[in-house]
Amino acid sequence: MARHTAALVAEFRGRAAEALDLSAAAESSPTFTYTRRLHIYEASYLLLFCAWENFLEQSLVRFLCGYRNTGGAYARVGGAAHFPSVAAAYAHLLGGKPYLLWHGAQETIDRSNLHLTGGPHAAVVGSALSDLRSFAAIRNHVAHRTENTRSKFDDASRALIGHVVKAGRAGRLLRTQTTLPATGVQCTWLDRINADLGNYAQQIAG
């Protein structure tokens, strides 16, 4: 019986919903100050992006085992057999390293091309490369807050909302109002990034 990756999309959406519950709770609480709301938005975003990184890793590992999405299964580069277990595929993917980083969009593309022929990670991430680089810049600035991450965050702000945000606070960007392109519904940028990542996950593993 064929094994499918669709459950990974559902898992990602569930973890993302839990992350956004934090920001929703902060907005609805009369005791939360403006600054505390910014902190909560940033924490929500880190949880969301961690879920995205985990999805990328887990889905690529399973494609190496011959799991299928709606487009079918994907051959390993060089025509090698699919791995018999997730553990074996993961060990191969690690290549002796203790862990892999997944926030870099180009690195994800390169990793997919190294291991899979025509893999969906390379196609989907490549089609959204500019936005995913901006999303990663937000992630890095929340996590590290250095001069270098601030510069890249400012670039991401210009790309997404057309200007830099006061004091380089990621929470301000994430609370900025925008619309969902597919529906025109008004939302925050945190909501929109969540929707975008969910769509990318569906394209990769749905």
Protein backbone atom coordinates (compact mmCIF):
# COMPACT_ATOMS: atom_id res chain seq x y z
CA MET A 1 0.00 0.00 0.00
CA ALA A 2 1.38 3.39 -1.02
CA ARG A 3 2.46 5.72 1.75
CA HIS A 4 1.45 9.37 1.44
CA THR A 5 2.80 12.62 2.86
CA ALA A 6 -0.55 14.38 3.26
CA ALA A 7 -0.55 13.79 7.03
CA LEU A 8 2.51 16.04 7.29
CA VAL A 9 0.50 18.94 5.85
CA ALA A 10 -2.20 18.41 8.47
CA GLU A 11 0.44 18.23 11.19
CA PHE A 12 2.01 21.48 10.02
CA ARG A 13 -1.35 23.24 9.91
CA GLY A 14 -2.14 22.02 13.42
CA ARG A 15 1.14 23.29 14.83
CA ALA A 16 0.72 26.57 12.99
CA ALA A 17 -2.78 27.03 14.43
CA GLU A 18 -1.41 26.50 17.93
CA ALA A 19 1.24 29.14 17.28
CA LEU A 20 -1.33 31.67 16.09
CA ASP A 21 -3.54 30.96 19.10
CA LEU A 22 -0.96 32.86 21.16
CA SER A 23 -1.28 36.06 19.16
CA ALA A 24 -5.06 35.78 19.13
CA ALA A 25 -5.08 35.42 22.91
CA ALA A 26 -2.84 38.45 23.29
CA GLU A 27 -5.12 40.56 21.11
CA SER A 28 -8.22 39.56 23.06
CA SER A 29 -6.72 40.16 26.50
CA PRO A 30 -7.35 43.66 27.95
CA THR A 31 -4.35 43.24 30.28
CA PHE A 32 -1.76 42.90 27.52
CA THR A 33 0.19 46.07 26.78
CA TYR A 34 1.23 47.00 23.25
CA THR A 35 4.82 45.93 23.88
CA ARG A 36 3.75 42.58 25.33
CA ARG A 37 1.62 41.97 22.24
CA LEU A 38 4.66 42.56 20.06
CA HIS A 39 6.59 39.97 22.08
CA ILE A 40 3.76 37.47 21.72
CA TYR A 41 3.58 37.99 17.95
CA GLU A 42 7.29 37.34 17.71
CA ALA A 43 7.01 34.21 19.83
CA SER A 44 4.10 33.01 17.69
CA TYR A 45 6.17 33.57 14.58
CA LEU A 46 9.09 31.56 15.89
CA LEU A 47 6.77 28.65 16.66
CA LEU A 48 5.21 28.94 13.20
CA PHE A 49 8.56 29.01 11.44
CA CYS A 50 9.89 26.11 13.50
CA ALA A 51 6.87 24.10 12.38
CA TRP A 52 7.69 25.02 8.77
CA GLU A 53 11.32 23.94 9.13
CA ASN A 54 10.25 20.65 10.71
CA PHE A 55 7.79 20.09 7.86
CA LEU A 56 10.50 20.60 5.25
CA GLU A 57 12.78 18.09 6.92
CA GLN A 58 10.18 15.44 7.63
CA SER A 59 8.67 15.59 4.16
CA LEU A 60 12.03 15.31 2.38
CA VAL A 61 12.97 12.35 4.58
CA ARG A 62 9.76 10.58 3.63
CA PHE A 63 10.17 11.22 -0.08
CA LEU A 64 13.56 9.51 0.27
CA CYS A 65 11.61 6.51 1.57
CA GLY A 66 9.31 6.47 -1.46
CA TYR A 67 6.34 8.23 0.10
CA ARG A 68 4.01 9.83 -2.44
CA ASN A 69 2.12 13.09 -2.80
CA THR A 70 -0.60 13.68 -5.39
CA GLY A 71 2.11 13.95 -8.04
CA GLY A 72 3.50 10.51 -7.22
CA ALA A 73 6.78 9.27 -5.81
CA TYR A 74 10.16 10.85 -6.52
CA ALA A 75 13.29 9.00 -7.55
CA ARG A 76 16.53 9.43 -5.67
CA VAL A 77 19.35 11.11 -7.57
CA GLY A 78 21.44 8.45 -9.30
CA GLY A 79 18.59 5.95 -9.34
CA ALA A 80 19.34 4.45 -5.92
CA ALA A 81 16.57 2.53 -4.15
CA HIS A 82 14.35 4.33 -1.70
CA PHE A 83 15.32 3.87 1.93
CA PRO A 84 13.50 1.15 3.89
CA SER A 85 12.89 3.34 6.94
CA VAL A 86 12.61 6.95 8.04
CA ALA A 87 15.55 6.42 10.39
CA ALA A 88 17.80 5.22 7.55
CA ALA A 89 16.75 8.09 5.28
CA TYR A 90 17.30 10.64 8.03
CA ALA A 91 20.78 9.30 8.79
CA HIS A 92 21.64 9.58 5.10
CA LEU A 93 20.28 13.12 4.93
CA LEU A 94 22.30 14.16 7.98
CA GLY A 95 25.48 12.79 6.42
CA GLY A 96 27.19 12.58 9.80
CA LYS A 97 26.07 16.02 10.99
CA PRO A 98 24.19 16.32 14.30
CA TYR A 99 21.40 18.35 12.67
CA LEU A 100 20.51 20.32 9.55
CA LEU A 101 19.32 23.91 9.23
CA TRP A 102 16.20 24.53 7.16
CA HIS A 103 15.49 28.26 7.36
CA GLY A 104 17.51 29.05 4.22
CA ALA A 105 15.34 28.71 1.12
CA GLN A 106 18.23 28.26 -1.31
CA GLU A 107 19.78 25.62 0.95
CA THR A 108 16.47 23.74 0.91
CA ILE A 109 16.42 23.84 -2.89
CA ASP A 110 20.02 22.64 -3.11
CA ARG A 111 19.37 19.86 -0.60
CA SER A 112 16.34 18.64 -2.53
CA ASN A 113 18.25 18.65 -5.81
CA LEU A 114 21.11 16.76 -4.18
CA HIS A 115 18.86 13.92 -3.10
CA LEU A 116 15.75 13.83 -5.31
CA THR A 117 15.11 14.00 -9.03
CA GLY A 118 12.46 16.62 -9.72
CA GLY A 119 11.56 16.89 -6.04
CA PRO A 120 8.69 19.17 -5.01
CA HIS A 121 10.75 21.07 -2.43
CA ALA A 122 12.96 22.54 -5.13
CA ALA A 123 10.03 23.43 -7.36
CA VAL A 124 7.79 24.99 -4.71
CA VAL A 125 10.46 26.74 -2.66
CA GLY A 126 12.06 27.98 -5.88
CA SER A 127 8.79 29.51 -7.03
CA ALA A 128 8.45 31.40 -3.72
CA LEU A 129 12.13 32.12 -3.18
CA SER A 130 11.86 35.88 -2.62
CA ASP A 131 9.06 35.65 -0.06
CA LEU A 132 10.66 32.74 1.77
CA ARG A 133 13.92 34.65 2.06
CA SER A 134 11.97 37.53 3.59
CA PHE A 135 10.18 35.18 5.99
CA ALA A 136 13.53 33.70 7.04
CA ALA A 137 14.94 37.18 7.61
CA ILE A 138 12.09 37.86 10.03
CA ARG A 139 12.81 34.58 11.79
CA ASN A 140 16.51 35.33 12.11
CA HIS A 141 15.94 38.83 13.46
CA VAL A 142 13.50 37.60 16.11
CA ALA A 143 15.96 34.89 17.14
CA HIS A 144 19.19 36.90 17.12
CA ARG A 145 18.60 40.69 16.88
CA THR A 146 22.07 41.66 15.61
CA GLU A 147 23.03 44.49 13.29
CA ASN A 148 23.29 41.99 10.45
CA THR A 149 19.85 40.48 11.07
CA ARG A 150 18.41 44.01 11.43
CA SER A 151 19.73 44.96 7.99
CA LYS A 152 18.21 41.88 6.37
CA PHE A 153 14.98 42.35 8.34
CA ASP A 154 14.71 45.92 7.04
CA ASP A 155 15.13 44.58 3.50
CA ALA A 156 12.37 42.06 4.18
CA SER A 157 10.11 44.81 5.54
CA ARG A 158 10.60 46.88 2.39
CA ALA A 159 9.85 43.85 0.22
CA LEU A 160 6.69 42.88 2.12
CA ILE A 161 5.12 46.15 3.30
CA GLY A 162 7.03 48.80 1.37
CA HIS A 163 8.89 50.42 4.28
CA VAL A 164 10.92 49.62 7.38
CA VAL A 165 9.18 49.37 10.74
CA LYS A 166 9.97 51.49 13.78
CA ALA A 167 12.96 50.28 15.81
CA GLY A 168 13.24 47.17 13.65
CA ARG A 169 10.63 45.33 15.71
CA ALA A 170 9.43 42.20 13.97
CA GLY A 171 6.26 42.23 16.05
CA ARG A 172 5.23 45.51 14.45
CA LEU A 173 5.58 44.04 10.98
CA LEU A 174 3.72 40.89 11.98
CA ARG A 175 0.80 42.95 13.38
CA THR A 176 0.61 45.16 10.28
CA GLN A 177 -2.65 44.73 8.39
CA THR A 178 -2.71 43.26 4.90
CA THR A 179 -5.08 41.06 2.90
CA LEU A 180 -5.09 37.44 1.84
CA PRO A 181 -4.45 37.45 -1.93
CA ALA A 182 -6.83 34.58 -2.62
CA THR A 183 -9.83 36.07 -0.81
CA GLY A 184 -9.14 39.74 -0.13
CA VAL A 185 -9.93 39.16 3.56
CA GLN A 186 -8.12 41.56 5.87
CA CYS A 187 -5.60 39.98 8.23
CA THR A 188 -2.24 40.56 9.88
CA TRP A 189 1.03 39.73 8.21
CA LEU A 190 1.41 36.90 10.72
CA ASP A 191 -1.83 35.42 9.38
CA ARG A 192 -0.79 35.95 5.79
CA ILE A 193 2.60 34.29 6.23
CA ASN A 194 0.85 31.39 7.94
CA ALA A 195 -1.50 31.07 4.96
CA ASP A 196 1.38 31.24 2.50
CA LEU A 197 3.38 28.57 4.31
CA GLY A 198 0.30 26.36 4.51
CA ASN A 199 -0.17 26.69 0.76
CA TYR A 200 3.46 25.82 0.12
CA ALA A 201 3.19 22.78 2.40
CA GLN A 202 0.11 21.63 0.49
CA GLN A 203 1.92 21.98 -2.82
CA ILE A 204 4.91 20.01 -1.54
CA ALA A 205 3.23 17.16 0.29
CA GLY A 206 -0.51 17.31 -0.33
